[in-house]
């Protein structure tokens, strides 16, 4: 969701199967031109298979029941880190001779 905040695109939801039975869902992002980015696929073991992948409209944060606090903490940390990196890059550019 944080990646979707930053880059937009579509949210994709697939099903996680173990021994042919759905045990959970897995989400990832699709950017323009069909480029898919999945930063957490490695969390699954060899017995877990992610299948399908359908576009799901992003639910408003106010409707999230699970993981809202974790999302907000991660989002804030990522944005803080990006702000620091941008400030550092801007300072380096301003120190270069004209």
PDB file of N, CA and C in Angstrom:
ATOM      1  N   UNK A   1       0.816  -1.190   0.000  1.00  0.00           N
ATOM      2  CA  UNK A   1       0.000   0.000   0.000  1.00  0.00           C
ATOM      3  C   UNK A   1       0.863   1.258   0.000  1.00  0.00           C
ATOM      4  N   UNK A   2       2.009   1.199   0.679  1.00  0.00           N
ATOM      5  CA  UNK A   2       2.897   2.361   0.704  1.00  0.00           C
ATOM      6  C   UNK A   2       3.431   2.621  -0.707  1.00  0.00           C
ATOM      7  N   UNK A   3       3.813   1.585  -1.405  1.00  0.00           N
ATOM      8  CA  UNK A   3       4.269   1.737  -2.785  1.00  0.00           C
ATOM      9  C   UNK A   3       3.157   2.329  -3.642  1.00  0.00           C
ATOM     10  N   UNK A   4       1.938   1.886  -3.435  1.00  0.00           N
ATOM     11  CA  UNK A   4       0.794   2.424  -4.164  1.00  0.00           C
ATOM     12  C   UNK A   4       0.584   3.891  -3.821  1.00  0.00           C
ATOM     13  N   UNK A   5       0.814   4.273  -2.563  1.00  0.00           N
ATOM     14  CA  UNK A   5       0.741   5.685  -2.170  1.00  0.00           C
ATOM     15  C   UNK A   5       1.718   6.521  -2.992  1.00  0.00           C
ATOM     16  N   UNK A   6       2.926   6.011  -3.150  1.00  0.00           N
ATOM     17  CA  UNK A   6       4.001   6.771  -3.791  1.00  0.00           C
ATOM     18  C   UNK A   6       3.936   6.769  -5.310  1.00  0.00           C
ATOM     19  N   UNK A   7       3.601   5.622  -5.901  1.00  0.00           N
ATOM     20  CA  UNK A   7       3.694   5.479  -7.350  1.00  0.00           C
ATOM     21  C   UNK A   7       2.365   5.307  -8.059  1.00  0.00           C
ATOM     22  N   UNK A   8       1.292   5.127  -7.297  1.00  0.00           N
ATOM     23  CA  UNK A   8      -0.015   4.919  -7.919  1.00  0.00           C
ATOM     24  C   UNK A   8      -0.100   3.537  -8.535  1.00  0.00           C
ATOM     25  N   UNK A   9      -0.872   3.421  -9.589  1.00  0.00           N
ATOM     26  CA  UNK A   9      -1.047   2.135 -10.246  1.00  0.00           C
ATOM     27  C   UNK A   9      -2.239   1.386  -9.699  1.00  0.00           C
ATOM     28  N   UNK A  10      -2.246   0.090  -9.965  1.00  0.00           N
ATOM     29  CA  UNK A  10      -3.358  -0.760  -9.540  1.00  0.00           C
ATOM     30  C   UNK A  10      -2.896  -1.706  -8.440  1.00  0.00           C
ATOM     31  N   UNK A  11      -3.815  -2.042  -7.559  1.00  0.00           N
ATOM     32  CA  UNK A  11      -3.560  -3.065  -6.550  1.00  0.00           C
ATOM     33  C   UNK A  11      -4.066  -4.395  -7.089  1.00  0.00           C
ATOM     34  N   UNK A  12      -3.223  -5.397  -6.984  1.00  0.00           N
ATOM     35  CA  UNK A  12      -3.559  -6.734  -7.463  1.00  0.00           C
ATOM     36  C   UNK A  12      -3.657  -7.654  -6.256  1.00  0.00           C
ATOM     37  N   UNK A  13      -4.693  -8.488  -6.242  1.00  0.00           N
ATOM     38  CA  UNK A  13      -4.833  -9.460  -5.162  1.00  0.00           C
ATOM     39  C   UNK A  13      -4.901 -10.861  -5.757  1.00  0.00           C
ATOM     40  N   UNK A  14      -4.020 -11.718  -5.247  1.00  0.00           N
ATOM     41  CA  UNK A  14      -4.033 -13.121  -5.628  1.00  0.00           C
ATOM     42  C   UNK A  14      -4.368 -13.963  -4.414  1.00  0.00           C
ATOM     43  N   UNK A  15      -4.574 -15.222  -4.646  1.00  0.00           N
ATOM     44  CA  UNK A  15      -4.868 -16.159  -3.561  1.00  0.00           C
ATOM     45  C   UNK A  15      -3.623 -16.972  -3.236  1.00  0.00           C
ATOM     46  N   UNK A  16      -3.423 -17.232  -1.964  1.00  0.00           N
ATOM     47  CA  UNK A  16      -2.333 -18.096  -1.509  1.00  0.00           C
ATOM     48  C   UNK A  16      -2.931 -19.464  -1.231  1.00  0.00           C
ATOM     49  N   UNK A  17      -2.383 -20.483  -1.892  1.00  0.00           N
ATOM     50  CA  UNK A  17      -2.886 -21.847  -1.747  1.00  0.00           C
ATOM     51  C   UNK A  17      -1.814 -22.748  -1.141  1.00  0.00           C
ATOM     52  N   UNK A  18      -2.267 -23.648  -0.287  1.00  0.00           N
ATOM     53  CA  UNK A  18      -1.427 -24.722   0.238  1.00  0.00           C
ATOM     54  C   UNK A  18      -2.197 -26.010   0.000  1.00  0.00           C
ATOM     55  N   UNK A  19      -1.569 -26.938  -0.682  1.00  0.00           N
ATOM     56  CA  UNK A  19      -2.213 -28.207  -1.031  1.00  0.00           C
ATOM     57  C   UNK A  19      -3.550 -27.985  -1.734  1.00  0.00           C
ATOM     58  N   UNK A  20      -3.601 -26.982  -2.610  1.00  0.00           N
ATOM     59  CA  UNK A  20      -4.805 -26.715  -3.385  1.00  0.00           C
ATOM     60  C   UNK A  20      -5.906 -25.972  -2.658  1.00  0.00           C
ATOM     61  N   UNK A  21      -5.699 -25.614  -1.408  1.00  0.00           N
ATOM     62  CA  UNK A  21      -6.720 -24.911  -0.621  1.00  0.00           C
ATOM     63  C   UNK A  21      -6.276 -23.481  -0.342  1.00  0.00           C
ATOM     64  N   UNK A  22      -7.201 -22.525  -0.548  1.00  0.00           N
ATOM     65  CA  UNK A  22      -6.872 -21.122  -0.259  1.00  0.00           C
ATOM     66  C   UNK A  22      -6.735 -20.928   1.241  1.00  0.00           C
ATOM     67  N   UNK A  23      -5.582 -20.344   1.623  1.00  0.00           N
ATOM     68  CA  UNK A  23      -5.312 -20.079   3.032  1.00  0.00           C
ATOM     69  C   UNK A  23      -5.191 -18.589   3.336  1.00  0.00           C
ATOM     70  N   UNK A  24      -5.036 -17.768   2.294  1.00  0.00           N
ATOM     71  CA  UNK A  24      -4.872 -16.330   2.522  1.00  0.00           C
ATOM     72  C   UNK A  24      -4.911 -15.621   1.172  1.00  0.00           C
ATOM     73  N   UNK A  25      -4.730 -14.309   1.229  1.00  0.00           N
ATOM     74  CA  UNK A  25      -4.600 -13.487   0.030  1.00  0.00           C
ATOM     75  C   UNK A  25      -3.232 -12.826   0.043  1.00  0.00           C
ATOM     76  N   UNK A  26      -2.768 -12.453  -1.145  1.00  0.00           N
ATOM     77  CA  UNK A  26      -1.512 -11.726  -1.276  1.00  0.00           C
ATOM     78  C   UNK A  26      -1.742 -10.557  -2.220  1.00  0.00           C
ATOM     79  N   UNK A  27      -1.174  -9.395  -1.872  1.00  0.00           N
ATOM     80  CA  UNK A  27      -1.360  -8.168  -2.643  1.00  0.00           C
ATOM     81  C   UNK A  27      -0.031  -7.711  -3.232  1.00  0.00           C
ATOM     82  N   UNK A  28      -0.093  -7.111  -4.422  1.00  0.00           N
ATOM     83  CA  UNK A  28       1.069  -6.475  -5.013  1.00  0.00           C
ATOM     84  C   UNK A  28       0.590  -5.344  -5.921  1.00  0.00           C
ATOM     85  N   UNK A  29       1.500  -4.679  -6.591  1.00  0.00           N
ATOM     86  CA  UNK A  29       1.183  -3.489  -7.388  1.00  0.00           C
ATOM     87  C   UNK A  29       1.463  -3.712  -8.870  1.00  0.00           C
ATOM     88  N   UNK A  30       0.638  -3.089  -9.689  1.00  0.00           N
ATOM     89  CA  UNK A  30       0.878  -3.055 -11.134  1.00  0.00           C
ATOM     90  C   UNK A  30       0.941  -1.579 -11.532  1.00  0.00           C
ATOM     91  N   UNK A  31       2.080  -1.202 -12.080  1.00  0.00           N
ATOM     92  CA  UNK A  31       2.269   0.170 -12.534  1.00  0.00           C
ATOM     93  C   UNK A  31       1.909   0.263 -14.007  1.00  0.00           C
ATOM     94  N   UNK A  32       2.148   1.421 -14.594  1.00  0.00           N
ATOM     95  CA  UNK A  32       1.871   1.605 -16.012  1.00  0.00           C
ATOM     96  C   UNK A  32       2.604   0.600 -16.873  1.00  0.00           C
ATOM     97  N   UNK A  33       2.083   0.358 -18.053  1.00  0.00           N
ATOM     98  CA  UNK A  33       2.650  -0.575 -19.025  1.00  0.00           C
ATOM     99  C   UNK A  33       2.714  -2.000 -18.487  1.00  0.00           C
ATOM    100  N   UNK A  34       1.908  -2.319 -17.481  1.00  0.00           N
ATOM    101  CA  UNK A  34       1.814  -3.686 -16.980  1.00  0.00           C
ATOM    102  C   UNK A  34       2.958  -4.147 -16.103  1.00  0.00           C
ATOM    103  N   UNK A  35       3.809  -3.236 -15.653  1.00  0.00           N
ATOM    104  CA  UNK A  35       4.942  -3.608 -14.809  1.00  0.00           C
ATOM    105  C   UNK A  35       4.424  -3.951 -13.406  1.00  0.00           C
ATOM    106  N   UNK A  36       4.675  -5.175 -12.963  1.00  0.00           N
ATOM    107  CA  UNK A  36       4.230  -5.601 -11.642  1.00  0.00           C
ATOM    108  C   UNK A  36       5.387  -5.553 -10.659  1.00  0.00           C
ATOM    109  N   UNK A  37       5.111  -5.004  -9.482  1.00  0.00           N
ATOM    110  CA  UNK A  37       6.112  -4.921  -8.414  1.00  0.00           C
ATOM    111  C   UNK A  37       5.531  -5.609  -7.192  1.00  0.00           C
ATOM    112  N   UNK A  38       6.243  -6.612  -6.721  1.00  0.00           N
ATOM    113  CA  UNK A  38       5.829  -7.369  -5.540  1.00  0.00           C
ATOM    114  C   UNK A  38       7.011  -7.413  -4.588  1.00  0.00           C
ATOM    115  N   UNK A  39       6.974  -6.564  -3.578  1.00  0.00           N
ATOM    116  CA  UNK A  39       8.097  -6.443  -2.646  1.00  0.00           C
ATOM    117  C   UNK A  39       8.103  -7.520  -1.562  1.00  0.00           C
ATOM    118  N   UNK A  40       7.047  -8.333  -1.485  1.00  0.00           N
ATOM    119  CA  UNK A  40       6.954  -9.285  -0.374  1.00  0.00           C
ATOM    120  C   UNK A  40       6.682 -10.724  -0.803  1.00  0.00           C
ATOM    121  N   UNK A  41       6.835 -11.019  -2.067  1.00  0.00           N
ATOM    122  CA  UNK A  41       6.539 -12.389  -2.515  1.00  0.00           C
ATOM    123  C   UNK A  41       7.458 -13.424  -1.858  1.00  0.00           C
ATOM    124  N   UNK A  42       8.666 -13.027  -1.493  1.00  0.00           N
ATOM    125  CA  UNK A  42       9.606 -13.983  -0.901  1.00  0.00           C
ATOM    126  C   UNK A  42       9.175 -14.475   0.473  1.00  0.00           C
ATOM    127  N   UNK A  43       8.118 -13.903   1.033  1.00  0.00           N
ATOM    128  CA  UNK A  43       7.649 -14.354   2.347  1.00  0.00           C
ATOM    129  C   UNK A  43       7.038 -15.758   2.311  1.00  0.00           C
ATOM    130  N   UNK A  44       6.717 -16.253   1.136  1.00  0.00           N
ATOM    131  CA  UNK A  44       6.029 -17.534   1.019  1.00  0.00           C
ATOM    132  C   UNK A  44       7.006 -18.687   0.891  1.00  0.00           C
ATOM    133  N   UNK A  45       6.666 -19.768   1.561  1.00  0.00           N
ATOM    134  CA  UNK A  45       7.467 -20.977   1.487  1.00  0.00           C
ATOM    135  C   UNK A  45       7.152 -21.754   0.222  1.00  0.00           C
ATOM    136  N   UNK A  46       7.931 -22.806  -0.047  1.00  0.00           N
ATOM    137  CA  UNK A  46       7.732 -23.583  -1.278  1.00  0.00           C
ATOM    138  C   UNK A  46       6.366 -24.263  -1.347  1.00  0.00           C
ATOM    139  N   UNK A  47       5.739 -24.511  -0.216  1.00  0.00           N
ATOM    140  CA  UNK A  47       4.422 -25.155  -0.210  1.00  0.00           C
ATOM    141  C   UNK A  47       3.279 -24.168  -0.455  1.00  0.00           C
ATOM    142  N   UNK A  48       3.597 -22.860  -0.432  1.00  0.00           N
ATOM    143  CA  UNK A  48       2.584 -21.830  -0.635  1.00  0.00           C
ATOM    144  C   UNK A  48       2.672 -21.315  -2.067  1.00  0.00           C
ATOM    145  N   UNK A  49       1.550 -21.370  -2.768  1.00  0.00           N
ATOM    146  CA  UNK A  49       1.508 -20.967  -4.168  1.00  0.00           C
ATOM    147  C   UNK A  49       0.544 -19.787  -4.305  1.00  0.00           C
ATOM    148  N   UNK A  50       1.041 -18.689  -4.892  1.00  0.00           N
ATOM    149  CA  UNK A  50       0.192 -17.532  -5.150  1.00  0.00           C
ATOM    150  C   UNK A  50      -0.411 -17.700  -6.530  1.00  0.00           C
ATOM    151  N   UNK A  51      -1.735 -17.668  -6.601  1.00  0.00           N
ATOM    152  CA  UNK A  51      -2.425 -17.873  -7.868  1.00  0.00           C
ATOM    153  C   UNK A  51      -3.286 -16.666  -8.205  1.00  0.00           C
ATOM    154  N   UNK A  52      -3.630 -16.578  -9.462  1.00  0.00           N
ATOM    155  CA  UNK A  52      -4.529 -15.531  -9.916  1.00  0.00           C
ATOM    156  C   UNK A  52      -3.905 -14.162  -9.842  1.00  0.00           C
ATOM    157  N   UNK A  53      -4.721 -13.214  -9.703  1.00  0.00           N
ATOM    158  CA  UNK A  53      -4.309 -11.828  -9.628  1.00  0.00           C
ATOM    159  C   UNK A  53      -5.366 -10.972 -10.291  1.00  0.00           C
ATOM    160  N   UNK A  54      -6.214 -10.366  -9.483  1.00  0.00           N
ATOM    161  CA  UNK A  54      -7.269  -9.510 -10.010  1.00  0.00           C
ATOM    162  C   UNK A  54      -7.087  -8.107  -9.448  1.00  0.00           C
ATOM    163  N   UNK A  55      -7.461  -7.116 -10.239  1.00  0.00           N
ATOM    164  CA  UNK A  55      -7.384  -5.723  -9.808  1.00  0.00           C
ATOM    165  C   UNK A  55      -8.480  -5.487  -8.767  1.00  0.00           C
ATOM    166  N   UNK A  56      -8.074  -4.912  -7.646  1.00  0.00           N
ATOM    167  CA  UNK A  56      -8.999  -4.614  -6.552  1.00  0.00           C
ATOM    168  C   UNK A  56      -8.951  -3.104  -6.299  1.00  0.00           C
ATOM    169  N   UNK A  57     -10.098  -2.434  -6.275  1.00  0.00           N
ATOM    170  CA  UNK A  57     -10.077  -1.014  -5.930  1.00  0.00           C
ATOM    171  C   UNK A  57      -9.514  -0.826  -4.526  1.00  0.00           C
ATOM    172  N   UNK A  58      -8.704   0.197  -4.354  1.00  0.00           N
ATOM    173  CA  UNK A  58      -8.085   0.447  -3.051  1.00  0.00           C
ATOM    174  C   UNK A  58      -9.148   0.890  -2.051  1.00  0.00           C
ATOM    175  N   UNK A  59      -9.265   0.160  -0.946  1.00  0.00           N
ATOM    176  CA  UNK A  59     -10.227   0.581   0.072  1.00  0.00           C
ATOM    177  C   UNK A  59      -9.690   1.775   0.842  1.00  0.00           C
ATOM    178  N   UNK A  60     -10.571   2.678   1.309  1.00  0.00           N
ATOM    179  CA  UNK A  60     -10.100   3.796   2.123  1.00  0.00           C
ATOM    180  C   UNK A  60      -9.447   3.283   3.405  1.00  0.00           C
ATOM    181  N   UNK A  61      -8.397   3.950   3.853  1.00  0.00           N
ATOM    182  CA  UNK A  61      -7.684   3.533   5.067  1.00  0.00           C
ATOM    183  C   UNK A  61      -8.641   3.424   6.248  1.00  0.00           C
ATOM    184  N   UNK A  62      -9.644   4.273   6.289  1.00  0.00           N
ATOM    185  CA  UNK A  62     -10.591   4.252   7.410  1.00  0.00           C
ATOM    186  C   UNK A  62     -11.372   2.950   7.494  1.00  0.00           C
ATOM    187  N   UNK A  63     -11.408   2.170   6.404  1.00  0.00           N
ATOM    188  CA  UNK A  63     -12.135   0.903   6.397  1.00  0.00           C
ATOM    189  C   UNK A  63     -11.248  -0.305   6.677  1.00  0.00           C
ATOM    190  N   UNK A  64      -9.955  -0.098   6.833  1.00  0.00           N
ATOM    191  CA  UNK A  64      -9.062  -1.231   7.065  1.00  0.00           C
ATOM    192  C   UNK A  64      -9.294  -1.777   8.457  1.00  0.00           C
ATOM    193  N   UNK A  65      -9.439  -3.055   8.547  1.00  0.00           N
ATOM    194  CA  UNK A  65      -9.611  -3.692   9.853  1.00  0.00           C
ATOM    195  C   UNK A  65      -8.281  -4.252  10.351  1.00  0.00           C
ATOM    196  N   UNK A  66      -7.518  -4.794   9.421  1.00  0.00           N
ATOM    197  CA  UNK A  66      -6.247  -5.437   9.760  1.00  0.00           C
ATOM    198  C   UNK A  66      -5.089  -4.542   9.378  1.00  0.00           C
ATOM    199  N   UNK A  67      -4.083  -4.540  10.188  1.00  0.00           N
ATOM    200  CA  UNK A  67      -2.777  -3.984   9.848  1.00  0.00           C
ATOM    201  C   UNK A  67      -2.737  -2.475   9.629  1.00  0.00           C
ATOM    202  N   UNK A  68      -3.759  -1.759  10.032  1.00  0.00           N
ATOM    203  CA  UNK A  68      -3.755  -0.307   9.811  1.00  0.00           C
ATOM    204  C   UNK A  68      -2.596   0.375  10.528  1.00  0.00           C
ATOM    205  N   UNK A  69      -2.371   0.007  11.780  1.00  0.00           N
ATOM    206  CA  UNK A  69      -1.280   0.638  12.528  1.00  0.00           C
ATOM    207  C   UNK A  69       0.073   0.330  11.901  1.00  0.00           C
ATOM    208  N   UNK A  70       0.260  -0.911  11.464  1.00  0.00           N
ATOM    209  CA  UNK A  70       1.526  -1.291  10.842  1.00  0.00           C
ATOM    210  C   UNK A  70       1.730  -0.521   9.538  1.00  0.00           C
ATOM    211  N   UNK A  71       0.673  -0.382   8.747  1.00  0.00           N
ATOM    212  CA  UNK A  71       0.747   0.390   7.506  1.00  0.00           C
ATOM    213  C   UNK A  71       1.133   1.831   7.796  1.00  0.00           C
ATOM    214  N   UNK A  72       0.472   2.457   8.747  1.00  0.00           N
ATOM    215  CA  UNK A  72       0.739   3.863   9.041  1.00  0.00           C
ATOM    216  C   UNK A  72       2.164   4.072   9.547  1.00  0.00           C
ATOM    217  N   UNK A  73       2.669   3.148  10.369  1.00  0.00           N
ATOM    218  CA  UNK A  73       4.041   3.243  10.864  1.00  0.00           C
ATOM    219  C   UNK A  73       5.038   3.116   9.704  1.00  0.00           C
ATOM    220  N   UNK A  74       4.847   2.121   8.861  1.00  0.00           N
ATOM    221  CA  UNK A  74       5.741   1.929   7.714  1.00  0.00           C
ATOM    222  C   UNK A  74       5.676   3.122   6.771  1.00  0.00           C
ATOM    223  N   UNK A  75       4.470   3.586   6.458  1.00  0.00           N
ATOM    224  CA  UNK A  75       4.314   4.750   5.580  1.00  0.00           C
ATOM    225  C   UNK A  75       5.069   5.952   6.127  1.00  0.00           C
ATOM    226  N   UNK A  76       4.897   6.227   7.419  1.00  0.00           N
ATOM    227  CA  UNK A  76       5.565   7.386   8.021  1.00  0.00           C
ATOM    228  C   UNK A  76       7.082   7.246   7.976  1.00  0.00           C
ATOM    229  N   UNK A  77       7.585   6.047   8.227  1.00  0.00           N
ATOM    230  CA  UNK A  77       9.039   5.831   8.194  1.00  0.00           C
ATOM    231  C   UNK A  77       9.597   5.976   6.781  1.00  0.00           C
ATOM    232  N   UNK A  78       8.894   5.441   5.805  1.00  0.00           N
ATOM    233  CA  UNK A  78       9.348   5.548   4.418  1.00  0.00           C
ATOM    234  C   UNK A  78       9.344   7.010   3.980  1.00  0.00           C
ATOM    235  N   UNK A  79       8.265   7.740   4.268  1.00  0.00           N
ATOM    236  CA  UNK A  79       8.191   9.143   3.879  1.00  0.00           C
ATOM    237  C   UNK A  79       9.266   9.972   4.573  1.00  0.00           C
ATOM    238  N   UNK A  80       9.534   9.677   5.837  1.00  0.00           N
ATOM    239  CA  UNK A  80      10.590  10.395   6.559  1.00  0.00           C
ATOM    240  C   UNK A  80      11.948  10.141   5.915  1.00  0.00           C
ATOM    241  N   UNK A  81      12.217   8.894   5.574  1.00  0.00           N
ATOM    242  CA  UNK A  81      13.488   8.541   4.936  1.00  0.00           C
ATOM    243  C   UNK A  81      13.617   9.212   3.567  1.00  0.00           C
ATOM    244  N   UNK A  82      12.552   9.216   2.789  1.00  0.00           N
ATOM    245  CA  UNK A  82      12.592   9.865   1.483  1.00  0.00           C
ATOM    246  C   UNK A  82      12.795  11.370   1.621  1.00  0.00           C
ATOM    247  N   UNK A  83      12.166  11.980   2.614  1.00  0.00           N
ATOM    248  CA  UNK A  83      12.358  13.419   2.849  1.00  0.00           C
ATOM    249  C   UNK A  83      13.806  13.722   3.198  1.00  0.00           C
ATOM    250  N   UNK A  84      14.420  12.881   4.049  1.00  0.00           N
ATOM    251  CA  UNK A  84      15.824  13.084   4.418  1.00  0.00           C
ATOM    252  C   UNK A  84      16.730  12.934   3.212  1.00  0.00           C
ATOM    253  N   UNK A  85      16.475  11.934   2.392  1.00  0.00           N
ATOM    254  CA  UNK A  85      17.304  11.724   1.202  1.00  0.00           C
ATOM    255  C   UNK A  85      17.156  12.881   0.226  1.00  0.00           C
ATOM    256  N   UNK A  86      15.953  13.409   0.080  1.00  0.00           N
ATOM    257  CA  UNK A  86      15.738  14.542  -0.818  1.00  0.00           C
ATOM    258  C   UNK A  86      16.459  15.776  -0.286  1.00  0.00           C
ATOM    259  N   UNK A  87      16.415  15.986   1.015  1.00  0.00           N
ATOM    260  CA  UNK A  87      17.100  17.141   1.606  1.00  0.00           C
ATOM    261  C   UNK A  87      18.605  17.026   1.412  1.00  0.00           C
ATOM    262  N   UNK A  88      19.150  15.831   1.582  1.00  0.00           N
ATOM    263  CA  UNK A  88      20.579  15.602   1.397  1.00  0.00           C
ATOM    264  C   UNK A  88      20.976  15.848  -0.060  1.00  0.00           C
ATOM    265  N   UNK A  89      20.170  15.344  -0.988  1.00  0.00           N
ATOM    266  CA  UNK A  89      20.466  15.540  -2.408  1.00  0.00           C
ATOM    267  C   UNK A  89      20.381  17.015  -2.783  1.00  0.00           C
ATOM    268  N   UNK A  90      19.404  17.711  -2.252  1.00  0.00           N
ATOM    269  CA  UNK A  90      19.261  19.145  -2.550  1.00  0.00           C
ATOM    270  C   UNK A  90      20.441  19.933  -2.011  1.00  0.00           C
ATOM    271  N   UNK A  91      20.896  19.580  -0.819  1.00  0.00           N
ATOM    272  CA  UNK A  91      22.049  20.266  -0.234  1.00  0.00           C
ATOM    273  C   UNK A  91      23.309  20.039  -1.060  1.00  0.00           C
ATOM    274  N   UNK A  92      23.487  18.813  -1.544  1.00  0.00           N
ATOM    275  CA  UNK A  92      24.667  18.500  -2.355  1.00  0.00           C
ATOM    276  C   UNK A  92      24.653  19.285  -3.662  1.00  0.00           C
ATOM    277  N   UNK A  93      23.490  19.440  -4.274  1.00  0.00           N
ATOM    278  CA  UNK A  93      23.383  20.191  -5.529  1.00  0.00           C
ATOM    279  C   UNK A  93      23.681  21.663  -5.279  1.00  0.00           C
ATOM    280  N   UNK A  94      23.203  22.200  -4.169  1.00  0.00           N
ATOM    281  CA  UNK A  94      23.412  23.629  -3.914  1.00  0.00           C
ATOM    282  C   UNK A  94      24.870  23.947  -3.567  1.00  0.00           C
ATOM    283  N   UNK A  95      25.653  22.945  -3.147  1.00  0.00           N
ATOM    284  CA  UNK A  95      27.076  23.162  -2.837  1.00  0.00           C
ATOM    285  C   UNK A  95      27.965  23.094  -4.073  1.00  0.00           C
ATOM    286  N   UNK A  96      27.439  22.625  -5.179  1.00  0.00           N
ATOM    287  CA  UNK A  96      28.256  22.514  -6.397  1.00  0.00           C
ATOM    288  C   UNK A  96      28.506  23.909  -6.967  1.00  0.00           C
ATOM    289  N   UNK A  97      29.720  24.126  -7.467  1.00  0.00           N
ATOM    290  CA  UNK A  97      30.033  25.426  -8.068  1.00  0.00           C
ATOM    291  C   UNK A  97      29.177  25.649  -9.320  1.00  0.00           C
ATOM    292  N   UNK A  98      28.843  26.885  -9.527  1.00  0.00           N
ATOM    293  CA  UNK A  98      27.995  27.244 -10.684  1.00  0.00           C
ATOM    294  C   UNK A  98      28.765  27.258 -11.974  1.00  0.00           C
TER     295      UNK A  98
END
